[in-house]
């Protein structure tokens, strides 16, 4: 089982993503959930999950700062950022924070399970729009 921390400030989104990630017969288990960045860091420190899925825009501490803290304290926990923002500022911030994946919320239903598996295996995963942006940013 891949143990996942799921952080999003909208309860309905968390519950929906929980259902998507824990699909019947799958190998993903949500072991912790958080409603803000500070809670995400606290949960990560308790659990050091196999993967953390973190919303970029959250109260108390934003997702990028939470990702930095999680990456610092749980360096073996790959992070997938989840966002509605597809701007270079957010993507670069996420990468600088140590994120190994970036999935747009519009794509989450189709791609989040794949993203979790991919980063768990040690590779990076980006929504197609973000993958193109990452190529341009790395030049």
C-alpha atoms as a PDB file:
ATOM      1  CA  UNK A   1       0.000   0.000   0.000  1.00  0.00           C
ATOM      2  CA  UNK A   2       1.115   3.534  -0.801  1.00  0.00           C
ATOM      3  CA  UNK A   3       0.359   5.690   2.237  1.00  0.00           C
ATOM      4  CA  UNK A   4      -0.733   9.186   1.214  1.00  0.00           C
ATOM      5  CA  UNK A   5      -1.182  12.496   3.006  1.00  0.00           C
ATOM      6  CA  UNK A   6      -3.911  14.554   1.313  1.00  0.00           C
ATOM      7  CA  UNK A   7      -4.106  18.311   1.994  1.00  0.00           C
ATOM      8  CA  UNK A   8      -6.695  20.686   0.560  1.00  0.00           C
ATOM      9  CA  UNK A   9      -8.596  23.458   2.280  1.00  0.00           C
ATOM     10  CA  UNK A  10     -11.942  22.508   0.744  1.00  0.00           C
ATOM     11  CA  UNK A  11     -13.623  19.587   2.487  1.00  0.00           C
ATOM     12  CA  UNK A  12     -15.598  18.569  -0.597  1.00  0.00           C
ATOM     13  CA  UNK A  13     -12.407  18.472  -2.686  1.00  0.00           C
ATOM     14  CA  UNK A  14     -10.612  16.400  -0.023  1.00  0.00           C
ATOM     15  CA  UNK A  15     -13.488  13.930   0.119  1.00  0.00           C
ATOM     16  CA  UNK A  16     -13.682  13.678  -3.664  1.00  0.00           C
ATOM     17  CA  UNK A  17      -9.942  13.159  -4.028  1.00  0.00           C
ATOM     18  CA  UNK A  18     -10.037  10.625  -1.220  1.00  0.00           C
ATOM     19  CA  UNK A  19     -12.562   8.573  -3.210  1.00  0.00           C
ATOM     20  CA  UNK A  20     -10.538   8.900  -6.414  1.00  0.00           C
ATOM     21  CA  UNK A  21      -7.269   7.890  -4.785  1.00  0.00           C
ATOM     22  CA  UNK A  22      -8.663   4.977  -2.777  1.00  0.00           C
ATOM     23  CA  UNK A  23     -10.328   3.336  -5.738  1.00  0.00           C
ATOM     24  CA  UNK A  24     -11.559  -0.219  -5.096  1.00  0.00           C
ATOM     25  CA  UNK A  25      -8.813  -2.751  -5.665  1.00  0.00           C
ATOM     26  CA  UNK A  26      -6.161  -0.027  -5.726  1.00  0.00           C
ATOM     27  CA  UNK A  27      -2.971   0.199  -3.724  1.00  0.00           C
ATOM     28  CA  UNK A  28      -3.335   3.736  -2.348  1.00  0.00           C
ATOM     29  CA  UNK A  29      -4.423   4.429   1.223  1.00  0.00           C
ATOM     30  CA  UNK A  30      -5.096   7.911   2.602  1.00  0.00           C
ATOM     31  CA  UNK A  31      -3.490   7.792   6.044  1.00  0.00           C
ATOM     32  CA  UNK A  32      -3.782  11.492   6.879  1.00  0.00           C
ATOM     33  CA  UNK A  33      -5.729  14.540   5.710  1.00  0.00           C
ATOM     34  CA  UNK A  34      -5.221  18.243   6.344  1.00  0.00           C
ATOM     35  CA  UNK A  35      -7.255  21.395   5.754  1.00  0.00           C
ATOM     36  CA  UNK A  36      -4.342  23.849   5.706  1.00  0.00           C
ATOM     37  CA  UNK A  37      -0.601  23.934   5.180  1.00  0.00           C
ATOM     38  CA  UNK A  38       0.286  23.893   8.866  1.00  0.00           C
ATOM     39  CA  UNK A  39      -1.847  20.791   9.439  1.00  0.00           C
ATOM     40  CA  UNK A  40      -0.198  19.166   6.412  1.00  0.00           C
ATOM     41  CA  UNK A  41       3.255  19.706   7.908  1.00  0.00           C
ATOM     42  CA  UNK A  42       2.125  18.410  11.306  1.00  0.00           C
ATOM     43  CA  UNK A  43       0.567  15.298   9.738  1.00  0.00           C
ATOM     44  CA  UNK A  44       3.663  14.694   7.612  1.00  0.00           C
ATOM     45  CA  UNK A  45       5.915  14.903  10.661  1.00  0.00           C
ATOM     46  CA  UNK A  46       3.748  12.295  12.430  1.00  0.00           C
ATOM     47  CA  UNK A  47       3.366   9.959   9.458  1.00  0.00           C
ATOM     48  CA  UNK A  48       6.217  10.637   6.984  1.00  0.00           C
ATOM     49  CA  UNK A  49       3.863   9.261   4.325  1.00  0.00           C
ATOM     50  CA  UNK A  50       4.960   7.524   1.135  1.00  0.00           C
ATOM     51  CA  UNK A  51       3.528  10.448  -0.909  1.00  0.00           C
ATOM     52  CA  UNK A  52       2.047  13.839  -0.018  1.00  0.00           C
ATOM     53  CA  UNK A  53      -0.600  15.467  -2.240  1.00  0.00           C
ATOM     54  CA  UNK A  54      -0.728  19.159  -1.339  1.00  0.00           C
ATOM     55  CA  UNK A  55      -2.966  21.942  -2.644  1.00  0.00           C
ATOM     56  CA  UNK A  56      -0.956  25.026  -3.606  1.00  0.00           C
ATOM     57  CA  UNK A  57      -3.387  27.582  -2.190  1.00  0.00           C
ATOM     58  CA  UNK A  58      -4.342  26.963   1.438  1.00  0.00           C
ATOM     59  CA  UNK A  59      -4.808  29.110   4.544  1.00  0.00           C
ATOM     60  CA  UNK A  60      -2.487  29.404   7.553  1.00  0.00           C
ATOM     61  CA  UNK A  61       0.488  28.200   5.471  1.00  0.00           C
ATOM     62  CA  UNK A  62       0.304  27.920   1.690  1.00  0.00           C
ATOM     63  CA  UNK A  63       1.033  24.638  -0.028  1.00  0.00           C
ATOM     64  CA  UNK A  64       4.398  25.683  -1.397  1.00  0.00           C
ATOM     65  CA  UNK A  65       5.689  26.611   2.064  1.00  0.00           C
ATOM     66  CA  UNK A  66       4.189  23.384   3.445  1.00  0.00           C
ATOM     67  CA  UNK A  67       5.964  21.437   0.684  1.00  0.00           C
ATOM     68  CA  UNK A  68       9.285  23.064   1.660  1.00  0.00           C
ATOM     69  CA  UNK A  69       8.800  22.043   5.282  1.00  0.00           C
ATOM     70  CA  UNK A  70       7.716  18.506   4.400  1.00  0.00           C
ATOM     71  CA  UNK A  71      10.633  18.111   1.994  1.00  0.00           C
ATOM     72  CA  UNK A  72      13.019  19.347   4.705  1.00  0.00           C
ATOM     73  CA  UNK A  73      11.740  17.033   7.464  1.00  0.00           C
ATOM     74  CA  UNK A  74      10.639  14.028   5.383  1.00  0.00           C
ATOM     75  CA  UNK A  75      13.026  14.103   2.392  1.00  0.00           C
ATOM     76  CA  UNK A  76      11.958  10.627   1.266  1.00  0.00           C
ATOM     77  CA  UNK A  77       8.317  11.718   0.908  1.00  0.00           C
ATOM     78  CA  UNK A  78       7.719  12.797  -2.690  1.00  0.00           C
ATOM     79  CA  UNK A  79       5.260  15.658  -3.070  1.00  0.00           C
ATOM     80  CA  UNK A  80       2.605  16.165  -5.733  1.00  0.00           C
ATOM     81  CA  UNK A  81       1.276  19.717  -5.841  1.00  0.00           C
ATOM     82  CA  UNK A  82      -2.372  20.067  -6.766  1.00  0.00           C
ATOM     83  CA  UNK A  83      -3.501  23.399  -8.158  1.00  0.00           C
ATOM     84  CA  UNK A  84      -5.876  25.327 -10.349  1.00  0.00           C
ATOM     85  CA  UNK A  85      -2.948  27.641 -11.196  1.00  0.00           C
ATOM     86  CA  UNK A  86      -0.889  26.935 -14.295  1.00  0.00           C
ATOM     87  CA  UNK A  87       1.424  29.942 -14.100  1.00  0.00           C
ATOM     88  CA  UNK A  88       5.234  29.727 -14.132  1.00  0.00           C
ATOM     89  CA  UNK A  89       5.450  31.435 -10.733  1.00  0.00           C
ATOM     90  CA  UNK A  90       3.491  28.672  -8.989  1.00  0.00           C
ATOM     91  CA  UNK A  91       5.129  25.845 -10.925  1.00  0.00           C
ATOM     92  CA  UNK A  92       8.651  27.148 -10.303  1.00  0.00           C
ATOM     93  CA  UNK A  93       7.810  27.733  -6.641  1.00  0.00           C
ATOM     94  CA  UNK A  94       6.579  24.161  -6.306  1.00  0.00           C
ATOM     95  CA  UNK A  95       9.683  22.744  -7.967  1.00  0.00           C
ATOM     96  CA  UNK A  96      11.939  24.899  -5.799  1.00  0.00           C
ATOM     97  CA  UNK A  97      10.068  23.604  -2.734  1.00  0.00           C
ATOM     98  CA  UNK A  98      10.967  20.032  -3.690  1.00  0.00           C
ATOM     99  CA  UNK A  99       7.760  18.905  -5.408  1.00  0.00           C
ATOM    100  CA  UNK A 100       8.178  15.986  -7.806  1.00  0.00           C
ATOM    101  CA  UNK A 101       4.764  16.423  -9.388  1.00  0.00           C
ATOM    102  CA  UNK A 102       2.263  19.109 -10.304  1.00  0.00           C
ATOM    103  CA  UNK A 103      -1.294  18.227 -11.288  1.00  0.00           C
ATOM    104  CA  UNK A 104      -3.921  20.725 -12.329  1.00  0.00           C
ATOM    105  CA  UNK A 105      -7.234  20.318 -10.527  1.00  0.00           C
ATOM    106  CA  UNK A 106      -9.014  20.163 -13.896  1.00  0.00           C
ATOM    107  CA  UNK A 107      -6.938  17.044 -14.648  1.00  0.00           C
ATOM    108  CA  UNK A 108      -6.932  15.540 -11.153  1.00  0.00           C
ATOM    109  CA  UNK A 109      -9.659  12.970 -11.711  1.00  0.00           C
ATOM    110  CA  UNK A 110      -7.797  11.427 -14.613  1.00  0.00           C
ATOM    111  CA  UNK A 111      -4.215  11.905 -13.523  1.00  0.00           C
ATOM    112  CA  UNK A 112      -3.849  11.960  -9.759  1.00  0.00           C
ATOM    113  CA  UNK A 113      -3.629   8.192  -9.249  1.00  0.00           C
ATOM    114  CA  UNK A 114      -0.994   7.996 -11.978  1.00  0.00           C
ATOM    115  CA  UNK A 115       0.876  10.938 -10.444  1.00  0.00           C
ATOM    116  CA  UNK A 116       0.988   9.256  -7.020  1.00  0.00           C
ATOM    117  CA  UNK A 117       2.314   6.014  -8.512  1.00  0.00           C
ATOM    118  CA  UNK A 118       4.868   7.836 -10.658  1.00  0.00           C
ATOM    119  CA  UNK A 119       6.399   9.959  -7.885  1.00  0.00           C
ATOM    120  CA  UNK A 120       6.319   6.962  -5.529  1.00  0.00           C
ATOM    121  CA  UNK A 121       8.532   5.142  -8.053  1.00  0.00           C
ATOM    122  CA  UNK A 122      10.981   8.066  -7.981  1.00  0.00           C
ATOM    123  CA  UNK A 123      10.050   9.809 -11.227  1.00  0.00           C
ATOM    124  CA  UNK A 124       8.403  13.167 -11.830  1.00  0.00           C
ATOM    125  CA  UNK A 125       4.812  13.678 -12.995  1.00  0.00           C
ATOM    126  CA  UNK A 126       3.275  16.781 -14.509  1.00  0.00           C
ATOM    127  CA  UNK A 127      -0.080  17.499 -16.120  1.00  0.00           C
ATOM    128  CA  UNK A 128       0.524  17.898 -19.892  1.00  0.00           C
ATOM    129  CA  UNK A 129       0.245  21.707 -19.796  1.00  0.00           C
ATOM    130  CA  UNK A 130       2.648  21.836 -16.872  1.00  0.00           C
ATOM    131  CA  UNK A 131       5.097  19.415 -18.534  1.00  0.00           C
ATOM    132  CA  UNK A 132       5.439  21.811 -21.455  1.00  0.00           C
ATOM    133  CA  UNK A 133       5.996  24.705 -19.065  1.00  0.00           C
ATOM    134  CA  UNK A 134       8.644  22.772 -17.124  1.00  0.00           C
ATOM    135  CA  UNK A 135      10.526  22.137 -20.391  1.00  0.00           C
ATOM    136  CA  UNK A 136      10.495  25.870 -21.160  1.00  0.00           C
ATOM    137  CA  UNK A 137      11.529  26.791 -17.611  1.00  0.00           C
ATOM    138  CA  UNK A 138      14.477  24.399 -17.657  1.00  0.00           C
ATOM    139  CA  UNK A 139      15.996  25.958 -20.786  1.00  0.00           C
END
